[in-house]
């Protein structure tokens, strides 16, 4: 059965250093700490890597993994989200998906996609999901 969860979230991104080199090679790495509110009441920790020239109007990409732990519509457990973001000459594409078989406890069998929006400095999400419960 398909369902949707909505709410807001807070995110703290902390720049990390590359252990391989201190040379600026247009790559960046961040730790992610999130707090989800609404239908998804959870915390998340993750890592993000990005690449781009920093030139306005140019292209960039990012990938991220985050482990989400809490409750989704009252069902407790955890799951992993993976992000793939591409900016092509100012046109954004973003896909955030629940990693297959990553759901635990009451979230075992979770699948879906998450959309994020940022307006007036605030983040919100919509998680379209299915939850196949095993009997």
Protein backbone atom coordinates (compact mmCIF):
# COMPACT_ATOMS: atom_id res chain seq x y z
CA UNK A 1 0.00 0.00 0.00
CA UNK A 2 1.37 3.41 -0.99
CA UNK A 3 1.61 6.18 1.60
CA UNK A 4 3.10 9.63 1.96
CA UNK A 5 4.88 11.27 4.91
CA UNK A 6 5.40 15.03 5.12
CA UNK A 7 7.14 17.42 7.45
CA UNK A 8 10.14 19.61 7.99
CA UNK A 9 13.75 18.93 8.85
CA UNK A 10 16.79 20.67 10.19
CA UNK A 11 20.21 19.89 8.79
CA UNK A 12 23.73 20.67 9.95
CA UNK A 13 26.48 20.17 7.36
CA UNK A 14 30.02 20.14 8.70
CA UNK A 15 32.93 20.36 6.23
CA UNK A 16 35.40 17.48 6.50
CA UNK A 17 38.97 17.28 5.23
CA UNK A 18 40.26 14.83 2.68
CA UNK A 19 42.81 12.53 4.25
CA UNK A 20 44.52 11.85 0.93
CA UNK A 21 45.55 15.41 0.14
CA UNK A 22 45.26 18.98 1.27
CA UNK A 23 45.37 20.19 -2.34
CA UNK A 24 42.16 21.82 -3.58
CA UNK A 25 40.95 19.46 -6.25
CA UNK A 26 37.32 20.71 -6.54
CA UNK A 27 36.06 17.90 -4.27
CA UNK A 28 34.33 18.53 -0.97
CA UNK A 29 33.15 16.25 1.84
CA UNK A 30 30.63 16.96 4.62
CA UNK A 31 29.16 15.15 7.59
CA UNK A 32 25.38 15.43 7.84
CA UNK A 33 23.30 15.62 11.01
CA UNK A 34 19.54 15.89 10.52
CA UNK A 35 16.42 16.04 12.64
CA UNK A 36 13.18 15.11 10.85
CA UNK A 37 9.80 16.35 12.14
CA UNK A 38 6.22 15.56 11.19
CA UNK A 39 5.12 12.15 9.93
CA UNK A 40 8.77 11.08 10.15
CA UNK A 41 10.14 11.77 13.65
CA UNK A 42 13.78 10.78 13.36
CA UNK A 43 17.43 11.68 13.48
CA UNK A 44 19.87 10.98 10.67
CA UNK A 45 23.62 10.95 10.29
CA UNK A 46 25.45 10.70 7.01
CA UNK A 47 28.21 11.70 4.65
CA UNK A 48 28.09 13.81 1.50
CA UNK A 49 30.65 14.30 -1.24
CA UNK A 50 30.44 16.93 -3.95
CA UNK A 51 32.34 18.16 -6.97
CA UNK A 52 32.08 21.40 -8.87
CA UNK A 53 34.16 24.27 -10.12
CA UNK A 54 32.41 26.88 -7.98
CA UNK A 55 31.92 29.05 -11.07
CA UNK A 56 28.38 30.50 -11.18
CA UNK A 57 26.30 28.81 -13.88
CA UNK A 58 28.60 25.80 -14.20
CA UNK A 59 27.73 22.19 -13.38
CA UNK A 60 28.19 20.23 -10.13
CA UNK A 61 27.30 16.86 -8.60
CA UNK A 62 26.83 15.40 -5.14
CA UNK A 63 26.22 11.99 -3.63
CA UNK A 64 25.27 11.22 -0.04
CA UNK A 65 24.24 8.41 2.29
CA UNK A 66 22.31 8.95 5.50
CA UNK A 67 21.02 6.51 8.10
CA UNK A 68 17.61 7.57 9.44
CA UNK A 69 16.52 6.27 12.87
CA UNK A 70 13.15 6.96 14.48
CA UNK A 71 9.49 6.44 13.62
CA UNK A 72 7.54 6.75 10.37
CA UNK A 73 3.81 7.16 10.97
CA UNK A 74 4.40 5.56 14.38
CA UNK A 75 6.41 2.56 13.10
CA UNK A 76 9.86 2.42 14.70
CA UNK A 77 13.08 1.42 12.99
CA UNK A 78 15.78 2.71 10.71
CA UNK A 79 16.58 2.88 7.01
CA UNK A 80 19.19 4.34 4.66
CA UNK A 81 18.63 7.08 2.09
CA UNK A 82 20.96 7.60 -0.86
CA UNK A 83 21.14 10.92 -2.72
CA UNK A 84 22.26 11.69 -6.27
CA UNK A 85 22.20 15.37 -7.17
CA UNK A 86 23.25 16.97 -10.43
CA UNK A 87 23.27 20.65 -11.38
CA UNK A 88 23.58 21.08 -15.14
CA UNK A 89 24.16 24.72 -16.06
CA UNK A 90 21.79 25.89 -13.32
CA UNK A 91 19.14 23.18 -13.80
CA UNK A 92 18.91 20.88 -10.73
CA UNK A 93 18.11 17.16 -10.72
CA UNK A 94 17.82 15.38 -7.38
CA UNK A 95 16.91 11.79 -6.60
CA UNK A 96 16.74 10.53 -3.02
CA UNK A 97 15.80 6.87 -2.61
CA UNK A 98 15.41 4.40 0.25
CA UNK A 99 18.25 1.89 -0.13
CA UNK A 100 16.87 -1.59 -0.92
CA UNK A 101 16.49 -3.90 2.11
CA UNK A 102 17.78 -1.22 4.49
CA UNK A 103 14.64 -1.00 6.66
CA UNK A 104 14.84 -2.49 10.15
CA UNK A 105 12.36 -3.47 12.88
CA UNK A 106 8.87 -2.13 12.05
CA UNK A 107 10.27 -0.51 8.88
CA UNK A 108 11.48 -3.79 7.35
CA UNK A 109 10.30 -3.86 3.73
CA UNK A 110 10.33 -0.05 3.33
CA UNK A 111 10.82 1.30 -0.21
CA UNK A 112 10.32 4.77 -1.58
CA UNK A 113 11.62 8.14 -2.69
CA UNK A 114 12.04 11.41 -0.80
CA UNK A 115 11.65 14.91 -2.24
CA UNK A 116 13.02 17.95 -0.47
CA UNK A 117 12.10 21.59 -0.79
CA UNK A 118 13.72 24.70 0.62
CA UNK A 119 11.65 27.84 0.94
CA UNK A 120 12.28 30.90 3.11
CA UNK A 121 15.36 29.21 4.61
CA UNK A 122 13.38 26.18 5.84
CA UNK A 123 13.62 22.59 4.62
CA UNK A 124 10.64 20.29 4.10
CA UNK A 125 10.26 16.73 2.80
CA UNK A 126 7.72 14.45 1.15
CA UNK A 127 8.42 10.73 1.42
CA UNK A 128 6.37 8.58 -0.96
CA UNK A 129 6.72 5.01 0.27
CA UNK A 130 5.45 1.48 0.43
CA UNK A 131 5.90 -0.82 3.38
CA UNK A 132 5.63 -4.54 2.73
CA UNK A 133 5.14 -6.19 6.10
CA UNK A 134 6.30 -9.77 6.36
CA UNK A 135 4.03 -12.23 8.14
